[in-house]
N, C-alpha and C. Protein backbone atom coordinates (compact mmCIF):
# COMPACT_ATOMS: atom_id res chain seq x y z
N UNK A 1 -11.54 -1.00 0.72
CA UNK A 1 -10.37 -1.60 0.29
C UNK A 1 -9.11 -0.62 0.58
N UNK A 2 -9.47 0.71 0.33
CA UNK A 2 -8.35 1.67 0.73
C UNK A 2 -8.01 1.62 2.22
N UNK A 3 -9.12 1.57 2.94
CA UNK A 3 -8.78 1.55 4.39
C UNK A 3 -8.10 0.32 4.78
N UNK A 4 -8.30 -0.86 4.22
CA UNK A 4 -7.62 -1.96 4.47
C UNK A 4 -6.13 -1.83 4.12
N UNK A 5 -5.92 -1.24 2.91
CA UNK A 5 -4.54 -1.05 2.48
C UNK A 5 -3.76 -0.17 3.55
N UNK A 6 -4.39 0.87 4.04
CA UNK A 6 -3.82 1.87 5.00
C UNK A 6 -3.57 1.19 6.31
N UNK A 7 -4.67 0.58 6.94
CA UNK A 7 -4.49 0.14 8.25
C UNK A 7 -3.74 -1.22 8.47
N UNK A 8 -3.40 -2.00 7.30
CA UNK A 8 -2.68 -2.97 7.38
C UNK A 8 -1.23 -2.81 7.90
N UNK A 9 -0.75 -1.72 7.63
CA UNK A 9 0.65 -1.42 8.13
C UNK A 9 0.57 -0.84 9.60
N UNK A 10 -0.60 -0.57 10.11
CA UNK A 10 -0.63 -0.02 11.43
C UNK A 10 -0.86 -1.15 12.47
N UNK A 11 -1.33 -2.35 12.16
CA UNK A 11 -1.35 -3.46 13.15
C UNK A 11 -1.00 -4.82 12.58
N UNK A 12 -1.78 -5.19 11.44
CA UNK A 12 -1.71 -6.64 10.97
C UNK A 12 -0.19 -6.89 10.44
N UNK A 13 0.36 -5.88 9.78
CA UNK A 13 1.66 -6.08 9.22
C UNK A 13 2.59 -5.05 9.58
N UNK A 14 2.44 -4.39 10.75
CA UNK A 14 3.30 -3.36 11.33
C UNK A 14 4.85 -3.93 11.17
N UNK A 15 5.61 -3.12 10.39
CA UNK A 15 6.92 -3.70 9.97
C UNK A 15 7.91 -4.22 11.00
N UNK A 16 8.33 -3.50 12.09
CA UNK A 16 9.29 -4.14 12.97
C UNK A 16 8.80 -5.38 13.83
N UNK A 17 7.46 -5.35 13.97
CA UNK A 17 6.85 -6.37 14.92
C UNK A 17 6.39 -7.56 14.23
N UNK A 18 5.49 -7.36 13.13
CA UNK A 18 4.71 -8.42 12.40
C UNK A 18 5.53 -8.98 11.31
N UNK A 19 6.32 -8.01 10.51
CA UNK A 19 7.00 -8.57 9.37
C UNK A 19 8.49 -8.78 9.75
N UNK A 20 8.87 -8.31 10.94
CA UNK A 20 10.32 -8.20 11.47
C UNK A 20 11.16 -7.77 10.34
N UNK A 21 10.84 -6.73 9.74
CA UNK A 21 11.62 -5.92 8.77
C UNK A 21 12.20 -4.60 9.31
N UNK A 22 13.19 -4.14 8.61
CA UNK A 22 13.77 -2.85 9.16
C UNK A 22 14.33 -2.81 10.39
N UNK A 23 14.96 -4.06 10.86
CA UNK A 23 15.57 -4.13 12.23
C UNK A 23 16.81 -3.42 12.42
N UNK A 24 17.56 -3.19 11.34
CA UNK A 24 18.91 -2.53 11.43
C UNK A 24 18.63 -1.14 11.93
N UNK A 25 17.87 -0.27 11.26
CA UNK A 25 17.60 1.07 11.81
C UNK A 25 16.89 1.06 13.20
N UNK A 26 15.95 -0.03 13.32
CA UNK A 26 15.27 -0.07 14.52
C UNK A 26 16.18 -0.21 15.71
N UNK A 27 17.27 -1.01 15.61
CA UNK A 27 18.26 -1.21 16.71
C UNK A 27 19.26 -0.09 16.81
N UNK A 28 19.48 0.48 15.68
CA UNK A 28 20.55 1.56 15.61
C UNK A 28 20.15 2.94 16.20
N UNK A 29 18.88 3.35 15.78
CA UNK A 29 18.55 4.79 15.94
C UNK A 29 17.55 5.09 16.97
N UNK A 30 17.00 3.99 17.58
CA UNK A 30 15.99 4.20 18.54
C UNK A 30 16.39 4.32 19.90
N UNK A 31 17.61 4.76 20.19
CA UNK A 31 18.03 5.06 21.57
C UNK A 31 17.43 6.31 22.07
N UNK A 32 16.76 7.13 21.08
CA UNK A 32 16.10 8.36 21.50
C UNK A 32 14.74 8.41 20.73
N UNK A 33 13.90 9.07 21.21
CA UNK A 33 12.66 9.29 20.40
C UNK A 33 12.77 10.02 19.26
N UNK A 34 13.68 10.98 19.28
CA UNK A 34 13.97 11.92 18.09
C UNK A 34 14.46 10.98 16.99
N UNK A 35 15.58 10.19 17.33
CA UNK A 35 16.12 9.42 16.30
C UNK A 35 15.11 8.34 15.71
N UNK A 36 14.27 7.83 16.53
CA UNK A 36 13.26 6.95 16.01
C UNK A 36 12.26 7.50 15.18
N UNK A 37 11.81 8.70 15.46
CA UNK A 37 10.66 9.43 14.65
C UNK A 37 11.45 10.04 13.45
N UNK A 38 12.60 10.53 13.57
CA UNK A 38 13.32 11.03 12.31
C UNK A 38 13.48 9.97 11.28
N UNK A 39 13.92 8.75 11.65
CA UNK A 39 14.13 7.67 10.75
C UNK A 39 12.79 7.17 10.20
N UNK A 40 11.78 7.13 10.97
CA UNK A 40 10.40 6.76 10.56
C UNK A 40 9.88 7.68 9.51
N UNK A 41 10.02 8.91 9.70
CA UNK A 41 9.41 9.96 8.79
C UNK A 41 10.13 9.92 7.52
N UNK A 42 11.52 9.86 7.53
CA UNK A 42 12.50 9.74 6.25
C UNK A 42 12.04 8.47 5.49
N UNK A 43 11.89 7.43 6.18
CA UNK A 43 11.43 6.09 5.56
C UNK A 43 10.10 6.16 4.96
N UNK A 44 9.17 6.75 5.72
CA UNK A 44 7.77 6.96 5.19
C UNK A 44 7.70 7.78 3.84
N UNK A 45 8.53 8.85 3.92
CA UNK A 45 8.53 9.61 2.62
C UNK A 45 9.09 8.87 1.33
N UNK A 46 10.13 8.04 1.68
CA UNK A 46 10.69 7.21 0.55
C UNK A 46 9.72 6.20 0.21
N UNK A 47 9.09 5.61 1.21
CA UNK A 47 8.12 4.52 0.90
C UNK A 47 7.06 4.91 0.13
N UNK A 48 6.40 6.07 0.51
CA UNK A 48 5.23 6.61 -0.25
C UNK A 48 5.52 6.96 -1.67
N UNK A 49 6.55 7.73 -1.79
CA UNK A 49 7.01 8.15 -3.11
C UNK A 49 7.44 7.06 -4.03
N UNK A 50 8.27 6.10 -3.54
CA UNK A 50 8.74 5.08 -4.51
C UNK A 50 7.53 4.20 -4.82
N UNK A 51 6.61 3.92 -3.86
CA UNK A 51 5.38 3.09 -4.23
C UNK A 51 4.53 3.71 -5.29
N UNK A 52 4.33 5.03 -5.26
CA UNK A 52 3.50 5.79 -6.22
C UNK A 52 4.32 5.82 -7.52
N UNK A 53 5.56 6.13 -7.58
CA UNK A 53 6.31 6.09 -8.96
C UNK A 53 6.33 4.68 -9.49
N UNK A 54 6.59 3.70 -8.65
CA UNK A 54 6.62 2.33 -9.16
C UNK A 54 5.38 1.75 -9.73
N UNK A 55 4.24 2.25 -9.08
CA UNK A 55 3.01 1.92 -9.45
C UNK A 55 2.62 2.57 -10.96
N UNK A 56 2.97 3.75 -11.02
CA UNK A 56 2.89 4.63 -12.36
C UNK A 56 3.66 4.02 -13.45
N UNK A 57 4.80 3.44 -13.23
CA UNK A 57 5.72 3.02 -14.11
C UNK A 57 5.60 1.37 -14.48
N UNK A 58 4.74 0.73 -13.71
CA UNK A 58 4.81 -0.69 -13.67
C UNK A 58 4.35 -1.23 -15.12
N UNK A 59 3.49 -0.60 -15.95
CA UNK A 59 3.30 -1.13 -17.30
C UNK A 59 4.49 -1.13 -18.18
N UNK A 60 5.49 -0.19 -17.87
CA UNK A 60 6.77 -0.11 -18.75
C UNK A 60 7.92 -0.85 -18.21
N UNK A 61 7.81 -1.16 -17.13
CA UNK A 61 9.17 -1.84 -16.28
C UNK A 61 9.21 -3.24 -16.77
N UNK A 62 10.13 -3.70 -17.42
CA UNK A 62 10.34 -5.04 -17.94
C UNK A 62 10.43 -5.94 -16.57
N UNK A 63 9.98 -6.93 -16.49
CA UNK A 63 10.11 -8.05 -15.34
C UNK A 63 11.47 -8.35 -15.02
N UNK A 64 12.28 -8.46 -16.00
CA UNK A 64 13.68 -8.99 -15.78
C UNK A 64 14.54 -7.96 -15.16
N UNK A 65 14.20 -6.66 -15.28
CA UNK A 65 15.05 -5.69 -14.64
C UNK A 65 14.31 -4.86 -13.54
N UNK A 66 13.15 -5.37 -13.25
CA UNK A 66 12.28 -4.74 -12.17
C UNK A 66 13.05 -4.35 -10.85
N UNK A 67 13.83 -5.27 -10.38
CA UNK A 67 14.45 -5.09 -8.94
C UNK A 67 15.48 -3.90 -9.27
N UNK A 68 16.22 -3.90 -10.24
CA UNK A 68 17.24 -2.87 -10.60
C UNK A 68 16.49 -1.52 -10.64
N UNK A 69 15.43 -1.41 -11.34
CA UNK A 69 14.66 -0.27 -11.50
C UNK A 69 14.11 0.19 -10.24
N UNK A 70 13.62 -0.62 -9.41
CA UNK A 70 12.96 -0.40 -8.05
C UNK A 70 14.15 0.30 -7.16
N UNK A 71 15.30 -0.32 -7.35
CA UNK A 71 16.43 0.30 -6.31
C UNK A 71 16.82 1.64 -6.95
N UNK A 72 16.97 1.82 -8.22
CA UNK A 72 17.16 3.21 -8.57
C UNK A 72 16.29 4.12 -8.28
N UNK A 73 14.93 3.89 -8.35
CA UNK A 73 13.77 4.77 -7.97
C UNK A 73 13.98 5.06 -6.39
N UNK A 74 14.08 4.01 -5.60
CA UNK A 74 14.22 4.19 -4.05
C UNK A 74 15.45 5.02 -3.84
N UNK A 75 16.49 4.75 -4.54
CA UNK A 75 17.85 5.49 -4.18
C UNK A 75 17.71 7.05 -4.54
N UNK A 76 16.94 7.33 -5.62
CA UNK A 76 16.74 8.67 -5.96
C UNK A 76 15.91 9.47 -4.85
N UNK A 77 14.93 8.82 -4.30
CA UNK A 77 14.21 9.53 -3.09
C UNK A 77 15.05 9.71 -1.85
N UNK A 78 15.83 8.56 -1.63
CA UNK A 78 16.74 8.52 -0.51
C UNK A 78 17.83 9.74 -0.60
N UNK A 79 18.33 9.99 -1.76
CA UNK A 79 19.22 11.03 -1.95
C UNK A 79 18.59 12.34 -1.68
N UNK A 80 17.21 12.52 -2.15
CA UNK A 80 16.46 13.70 -1.85
C UNK A 80 16.30 13.91 -0.39
N UNK A 81 15.90 12.84 0.45
CA UNK A 81 15.69 12.85 1.81
C UNK A 81 16.95 13.18 2.47
N UNK A 82 18.13 12.62 2.08
CA UNK A 82 19.41 12.90 2.82
C UNK A 82 19.79 14.33 2.60
N UNK A 83 19.65 14.87 1.36
CA UNK A 83 19.98 16.35 1.11
C UNK A 83 18.96 17.39 1.84
N UNK A 84 17.70 16.98 1.84
CA UNK A 84 16.70 17.76 2.56
C UNK A 84 16.90 17.82 4.09
N UNK A 85 17.26 16.61 4.65
CA UNK A 85 17.60 16.54 6.02
C UNK A 85 18.76 17.35 6.37
N UNK A 86 19.78 17.09 5.48
CA UNK A 86 21.07 17.89 5.72
C UNK A 86 20.83 19.48 5.75
N UNK A 87 19.90 19.83 4.88
CA UNK A 87 19.62 21.34 4.71
C UNK A 87 18.88 21.93 5.74
N UNK A 88 17.82 21.13 6.12
CA UNK A 88 16.75 21.74 6.91
C UNK A 88 16.52 21.18 8.35
N UNK A 89 17.20 20.06 8.52
CA UNK A 89 17.03 19.46 9.87
C UNK A 89 18.45 18.83 10.15
N UNK A 90 19.48 19.65 10.20
CA UNK A 90 20.79 19.17 10.46
C UNK A 90 21.10 18.29 11.71
N UNK A 91 20.46 18.65 12.85
CA UNK A 91 20.67 17.88 14.06
C UNK A 91 20.14 16.46 13.89
N UNK A 92 18.94 16.23 13.13
CA UNK A 92 18.43 14.96 12.88
C UNK A 92 19.43 14.17 11.88
N UNK A 93 19.97 14.96 10.97
CA UNK A 93 20.94 14.38 9.88
C UNK A 93 22.06 13.89 10.72
N UNK A 94 22.56 14.58 11.67
CA UNK A 94 23.81 14.13 12.36
C UNK A 94 23.47 12.95 13.23
N UNK A 95 22.19 12.91 13.80
CA UNK A 95 21.79 11.86 14.61
C UNK A 95 21.59 10.64 13.88
N UNK A 96 21.04 10.56 12.70
CA UNK A 96 20.90 9.40 11.94
C UNK A 96 22.05 8.94 11.21
N UNK A 97 22.80 9.94 10.81
CA UNK A 97 24.21 9.59 10.10
C UNK A 97 24.04 8.62 8.92
N UNK A 98 24.76 7.54 8.86
CA UNK A 98 24.79 6.62 7.65
C UNK A 98 23.59 5.89 7.56
N UNK A 99 22.58 5.96 8.43
CA UNK A 99 21.45 5.22 8.32
C UNK A 99 20.35 5.78 7.41
N UNK A 100 20.69 7.05 7.04
CA UNK A 100 19.77 7.69 6.00
C UNK A 100 20.18 7.16 4.60
N UNK A 101 21.40 7.02 4.24
CA UNK A 101 21.56 6.44 2.85
C UNK A 101 21.35 5.00 2.92
N UNK A 102 21.33 4.26 4.04
CA UNK A 102 20.98 2.86 4.12
C UNK A 102 19.58 2.61 4.00
N UNK A 103 18.58 3.58 3.89
CA UNK A 103 17.23 3.49 3.67
C UNK A 103 17.04 2.74 2.34
N UNK A 104 18.10 2.90 1.33
CA UNK A 104 17.95 2.27 0.00
C UNK A 104 17.88 0.77 0.18
N UNK A 105 18.48 0.16 1.16
CA UNK A 105 18.43 -1.28 1.33
C UNK A 105 17.49 -1.68 2.43
N UNK A 106 16.50 -0.89 2.88
CA UNK A 106 15.70 -1.20 3.79
C UNK A 106 14.63 -2.20 3.16
N UNK A 107 14.53 -3.35 3.77
CA UNK A 107 13.64 -4.45 3.24
C UNK A 107 12.26 -3.97 3.06
N UNK A 108 11.81 -3.22 3.99
CA UNK A 108 10.37 -2.79 3.98
C UNK A 108 10.09 -2.19 2.58
N UNK A 109 10.91 -1.15 2.09
CA UNK A 109 10.68 -0.43 0.90
C UNK A 109 10.62 -1.20 -0.40
N UNK A 110 11.75 -2.06 -0.39
CA UNK A 110 11.81 -2.96 -1.59
C UNK A 110 10.77 -3.95 -1.51
N UNK A 111 10.43 -4.43 -0.30
CA UNK A 111 9.42 -5.50 -0.25
C UNK A 111 7.97 -4.98 -0.62
N UNK A 112 7.73 -3.73 -0.23
CA UNK A 112 6.39 -3.19 -0.74
C UNK A 112 6.33 -2.88 -2.13
N UNK A 113 7.56 -2.48 -2.67
CA UNK A 113 7.59 -2.24 -4.08
C UNK A 113 7.44 -3.59 -4.87
N UNK A 114 7.96 -4.73 -4.54
CA UNK A 114 7.84 -5.96 -5.15
C UNK A 114 6.48 -6.42 -4.88
N UNK A 115 6.04 -6.51 -3.61
CA UNK A 115 4.70 -7.23 -3.19
C UNK A 115 3.44 -6.45 -3.54
N UNK A 116 3.48 -5.11 -3.56
CA UNK A 116 2.36 -4.25 -3.85
C UNK A 116 2.32 -3.31 -4.85
N UNK A 117 3.36 -2.25 -4.83
CA UNK A 117 3.23 -1.33 -5.78
C UNK A 117 3.28 -1.77 -7.26
N UNK A 118 4.08 -2.86 -7.38
CA UNK A 118 4.26 -3.37 -8.83
C UNK A 118 2.97 -4.06 -9.30
N UNK A 119 2.12 -4.25 -8.44
CA UNK A 119 0.80 -5.12 -8.95
C UNK A 119 -0.50 -4.30 -8.84
N UNK A 120 -0.50 -3.05 -8.09
CA UNK A 120 -1.72 -2.42 -7.75
C UNK A 120 -1.69 -1.03 -8.48
N UNK A 121 -2.77 -0.30 -8.30
CA UNK A 121 -3.07 1.09 -8.75
C UNK A 121 -2.27 2.07 -7.90
N UNK A 122 -2.09 3.20 -8.55
CA UNK A 122 -1.38 4.33 -7.76
C UNK A 122 -1.92 4.66 -6.44
N UNK A 123 -3.37 4.80 -6.48
CA UNK A 123 -4.03 5.25 -5.16
C UNK A 123 -3.76 4.15 -4.21
N UNK A 124 -3.94 2.87 -4.49
CA UNK A 124 -3.78 1.76 -3.52
C UNK A 124 -2.26 1.73 -3.06
N UNK A 125 -1.40 2.00 -3.92
CA UNK A 125 0.00 1.96 -3.56
C UNK A 125 0.29 3.10 -2.62
N UNK A 126 -0.39 4.20 -2.83
CA UNK A 126 -0.08 5.39 -2.01
C UNK A 126 -0.64 5.02 -0.52
N UNK A 127 -1.71 4.53 -0.42
CA UNK A 127 -2.34 4.26 0.99
C UNK A 127 -1.63 3.05 1.60
N UNK A 128 -1.13 2.18 0.84
CA UNK A 128 -0.28 1.13 1.29
C UNK A 128 1.11 1.61 1.85
N UNK A 129 1.68 2.43 1.10
CA UNK A 129 3.02 3.06 1.58
C UNK A 129 2.81 3.92 2.80
N UNK A 130 1.85 4.76 2.68
CA UNK A 130 1.43 5.61 3.90
C UNK A 130 1.22 4.80 5.15
N UNK A 131 0.46 3.83 5.08
CA UNK A 131 0.09 3.03 6.29
C UNK A 131 1.27 2.21 6.72
N UNK A 132 2.10 1.67 5.92
CA UNK A 132 3.24 0.94 6.31
C UNK A 132 4.30 1.93 6.94
N UNK A 133 4.37 3.01 6.28
CA UNK A 133 5.41 4.04 6.86
C UNK A 133 5.03 4.63 8.19
N UNK A 134 3.59 4.96 8.32
CA UNK A 134 3.14 5.41 9.63
C UNK A 134 3.34 4.36 10.61
N UNK A 135 3.08 3.09 10.43
CA UNK A 135 3.32 2.05 11.30
C UNK A 135 4.66 2.00 11.77
N UNK A 136 5.63 2.08 10.69
CA UNK A 136 7.04 1.96 11.07
C UNK A 136 7.47 3.08 11.98
N UNK A 137 6.97 4.38 11.57
CA UNK A 137 7.34 5.70 12.36
C UNK A 137 6.85 5.58 13.69
N UNK A 138 5.67 5.11 13.95
CA UNK A 138 5.02 4.91 15.27
C UNK A 138 5.82 3.92 16.21
N UNK A 139 6.11 2.86 15.43
CA UNK A 139 6.92 1.73 16.17
C UNK A 139 8.26 2.21 16.61
N UNK A 140 9.05 2.93 15.70
CA UNK A 140 10.34 3.39 16.09
C UNK A 140 10.35 4.56 17.11
N UNK A 141 9.27 5.35 16.98
CA UNK A 141 9.07 6.49 17.98
C UNK A 141 8.77 6.04 19.40
N UNK A 142 7.92 5.02 19.52
CA UNK A 142 7.57 4.30 20.74
C UNK A 142 8.69 3.62 21.40
N UNK A 143 9.46 2.84 20.61
CA UNK A 143 10.65 2.11 21.03
C UNK A 143 11.65 3.16 21.51
N UNK A 144 11.86 4.24 20.70
CA UNK A 144 12.74 5.35 21.15
C UNK A 144 12.48 6.01 22.42
N UNK A 145 11.01 6.28 22.66
CA UNK A 145 10.51 6.95 23.74
C UNK A 145 10.92 6.03 25.12
N UNK A 146 10.47 4.68 24.98
CA UNK A 146 10.76 3.86 26.08
C UNK A 146 12.25 3.69 26.39
N UNK A 147 13.10 3.45 25.27
CA UNK A 147 14.43 3.29 25.51
C UNK A 147 15.09 4.59 26.11
N UNK A 148 14.75 5.61 25.66
CA UNK A 148 15.42 6.94 26.16
C UNK A 148 14.92 7.23 27.50
N UNK A 149 13.61 6.99 27.84
CA UNK A 149 13.06 7.24 29.16
C UNK A 149 13.85 6.28 30.22
N UNK A 150 13.91 4.95 29.90
CA UNK A 150 14.49 3.97 30.85
C UNK A 150 16.04 4.17 30.87
N UNK A 151 16.61 4.42 29.65
CA UNK A 151 18.05 4.45 29.50
C UNK A 151 18.83 5.61 29.94
N UNK A 152 18.13 6.79 29.90
CA UNK A 152 18.77 7.90 30.34
C UNK A 152 17.90 8.98 31.13
N UNK A 153 16.57 8.63 31.28
CA UNK A 153 15.66 9.58 32.16
C UNK A 153 15.26 10.83 31.41
N UNK A 154 15.38 10.69 30.02
CA UNK A 154 15.02 11.90 29.28
C UNK A 154 13.87 11.53 28.22
N UNK A 155 13.23 12.52 27.59
CA UNK A 155 12.42 12.53 26.54
C UNK A 155 12.83 13.63 25.66
N UNK A 156 13.28 13.28 24.41
CA UNK A 156 13.56 14.38 23.39
C UNK A 156 14.80 15.13 24.09
N UNK A 157 15.59 14.62 24.94
CA UNK A 157 16.68 15.31 25.41
C UNK A 157 16.48 16.12 26.79
N UNK A 158 15.18 16.09 27.14
CA UNK A 158 14.79 16.87 28.29
C UNK A 158 14.63 15.95 29.58
N UNK A 159 15.41 16.18 30.62
CA UNK A 159 15.44 15.45 31.87
C UNK A 159 14.10 15.43 32.49
N UNK A 160 13.67 14.17 32.95
CA UNK A 160 12.38 14.19 33.54
C UNK A 160 12.56 13.95 35.11
N UNK A 161 13.62 13.41 35.51
CA UNK A 161 13.89 12.96 36.81
C UNK A 161 15.04 13.69 37.52
N UNK A 162 15.04 13.65 38.77
CA UNK A 162 16.22 14.37 39.52
C UNK A 162 17.51 13.58 39.44
N UNK A 163 18.39 14.09 40.16
CA UNK A 163 19.78 13.56 40.08
C UNK A 163 19.85 12.20 40.81
N UNK A 164 18.90 11.81 41.46
CA UNK A 164 18.92 10.54 42.18
C UNK A 164 18.35 9.33 41.19
N UNK A 165 18.05 9.64 39.97
CA UNK A 165 17.53 8.68 39.07
C UNK A 165 18.73 7.77 38.61
N UNK A 166 18.47 6.53 38.56
CA UNK A 166 19.53 5.65 38.07
C UNK A 166 19.01 5.05 36.83
N UNK A 167 19.71 5.46 35.62
CA UNK A 167 19.19 4.88 34.48
C UNK A 167 19.53 3.48 34.17
N UNK A 168 18.75 2.71 33.37
CA UNK A 168 19.06 1.34 33.01
C UNK A 168 19.84 1.45 31.71
N UNK A 169 21.14 1.42 31.84
CA UNK A 169 22.15 1.66 30.65
C UNK A 169 21.80 0.67 29.57
N UNK A 170 21.43 -0.54 29.96
CA UNK A 170 21.13 -1.59 29.00
C UNK A 170 20.16 -1.17 27.89
N UNK A 171 19.21 -0.34 28.24
CA UNK A 171 18.08 0.08 27.44
C UNK A 171 18.74 1.07 26.42
N UNK A 172 19.71 1.76 26.64
CA UNK A 172 20.41 2.66 25.65
C UNK A 172 21.24 2.06 24.70
N UNK A 173 21.47 0.68 24.83
CA UNK A 173 22.25 -0.11 23.98
C UNK A 173 21.53 -1.04 23.12
N UNK A 174 22.03 -1.56 22.11
CA UNK A 174 21.18 -2.37 21.13
C UNK A 174 20.48 -3.53 21.79
N UNK A 175 20.87 -4.26 22.89
CA UNK A 175 20.18 -5.17 23.51
C UNK A 175 18.80 -4.58 24.13
N UNK A 176 18.82 -3.35 24.47
CA UNK A 176 17.59 -2.70 24.84
C UNK A 176 16.56 -2.68 23.84
N UNK A 177 16.94 -2.49 22.67
CA UNK A 177 16.02 -2.49 21.42
C UNK A 177 15.40 -3.95 21.35
N UNK A 178 16.24 -4.99 21.35
CA UNK A 178 15.70 -6.32 21.27
C UNK A 178 14.76 -6.58 22.36
N UNK A 179 15.02 -6.25 23.56
CA UNK A 179 14.16 -6.40 24.67
C UNK A 179 12.77 -5.67 24.55
N UNK A 180 12.91 -4.39 24.08
CA UNK A 180 11.71 -3.68 23.89
C UNK A 180 10.81 -4.31 22.66
N UNK A 181 11.47 -4.73 21.66
CA UNK A 181 10.79 -5.34 20.50
C UNK A 181 10.11 -6.61 21.02
N UNK A 182 10.84 -7.48 21.78
CA UNK A 182 10.33 -8.59 22.24
C UNK A 182 9.08 -8.50 23.19
N UNK A 183 9.19 -7.43 24.02
CA UNK A 183 8.09 -7.16 24.90
C UNK A 183 6.73 -6.70 24.07
N UNK A 184 7.00 -5.98 23.02
CA UNK A 184 5.94 -5.53 22.27
C UNK A 184 5.32 -6.74 21.54
N UNK A 185 6.21 -7.57 20.89
CA UNK A 185 5.73 -8.71 20.20
C UNK A 185 4.81 -9.62 21.19
N UNK A 186 5.27 -9.79 22.40
CA UNK A 186 4.50 -10.56 23.37
C UNK A 186 3.21 -9.94 23.57
N UNK A 187 3.14 -8.59 23.81
CA UNK A 187 1.83 -7.94 24.14
C UNK A 187 0.89 -8.11 22.87
N UNK A 188 1.44 -7.86 21.56
CA UNK A 188 0.76 -7.91 20.41
C UNK A 188 -0.01 -9.31 20.26
N UNK A 189 1.01 -10.20 20.51
CA UNK A 189 0.50 -11.71 20.31
C UNK A 189 -0.55 -12.01 21.24
N UNK A 190 -0.42 -11.52 22.55
CA UNK A 190 -1.44 -11.73 23.49
C UNK A 190 -2.78 -11.22 23.21
N UNK A 191 -2.69 -9.89 22.54
CA UNK A 191 -4.02 -9.27 22.19
C UNK A 191 -4.65 -10.07 21.11
N UNK A 192 -3.94 -10.46 20.13
CA UNK A 192 -4.38 -11.27 19.01
C UNK A 192 -5.04 -12.62 19.52
N UNK A 193 -4.29 -13.24 20.48
CA UNK A 193 -4.81 -14.51 20.98
C UNK A 193 -6.04 -14.29 21.82
N UNK A 194 -6.19 -13.26 22.38
CA UNK A 194 -7.53 -12.94 23.19
C UNK A 194 -8.61 -12.67 22.17
N UNK A 195 -8.43 -11.88 21.00
CA UNK A 195 -9.30 -11.70 20.03
C UNK A 195 -9.78 -13.00 19.57
N UNK A 196 -8.85 -13.94 19.20
CA UNK A 196 -9.29 -15.24 18.58
C UNK A 196 -10.10 -16.07 19.65
N UNK A 197 -9.77 -15.85 20.89
CA UNK A 197 -10.49 -16.78 21.77
C UNK A 197 -11.87 -16.24 22.10
N UNK A 198 -12.14 -14.94 21.88
CA UNK A 198 -13.42 -14.26 22.02
C UNK A 198 -14.34 -14.66 20.91
N UNK A 199 -13.74 -14.76 19.61
CA UNK A 199 -14.48 -15.09 18.46
C UNK A 199 -14.95 -16.59 18.52
């Protein structure tokens, strides 16, 4: 059961592709692999911590105020992430900018709080948050890697090609994220269709 809770977020319900959630940061910060990975790690931390705390407090949270309580819990961890990033990873903080505070309204986190953490045990909520967060981080990092490579010819700011390289500037802009997400969706749907046809 714990394995299913963890792996669900790595393929079956991987946030940007399957659930189509968290698209705002996906479009905004994945022009580089560093931005994508940084946002994914920050979101994972908030997701895991809020899932665990909401699961611990679920017996005492009144149903009528649960959403407000969830948002306060999530916002608390987001403030911690923002301050920690500013203190210990300032270049990442500058890169992500306003999108760190906007983690508060990320549908993935509130969705997992409502759909899973408020109904399950602490251990299951931890693994659910970790799996969803890792799936989100991997997704953003891969999108950022492809967009940075094709859009500027670099990986993590290091040039890979010579001066004759002509970057596809479209990939460095928001439409490049849509194109990349669409391609991944097509590949994943193709894999699932093939699995179903084999069965």
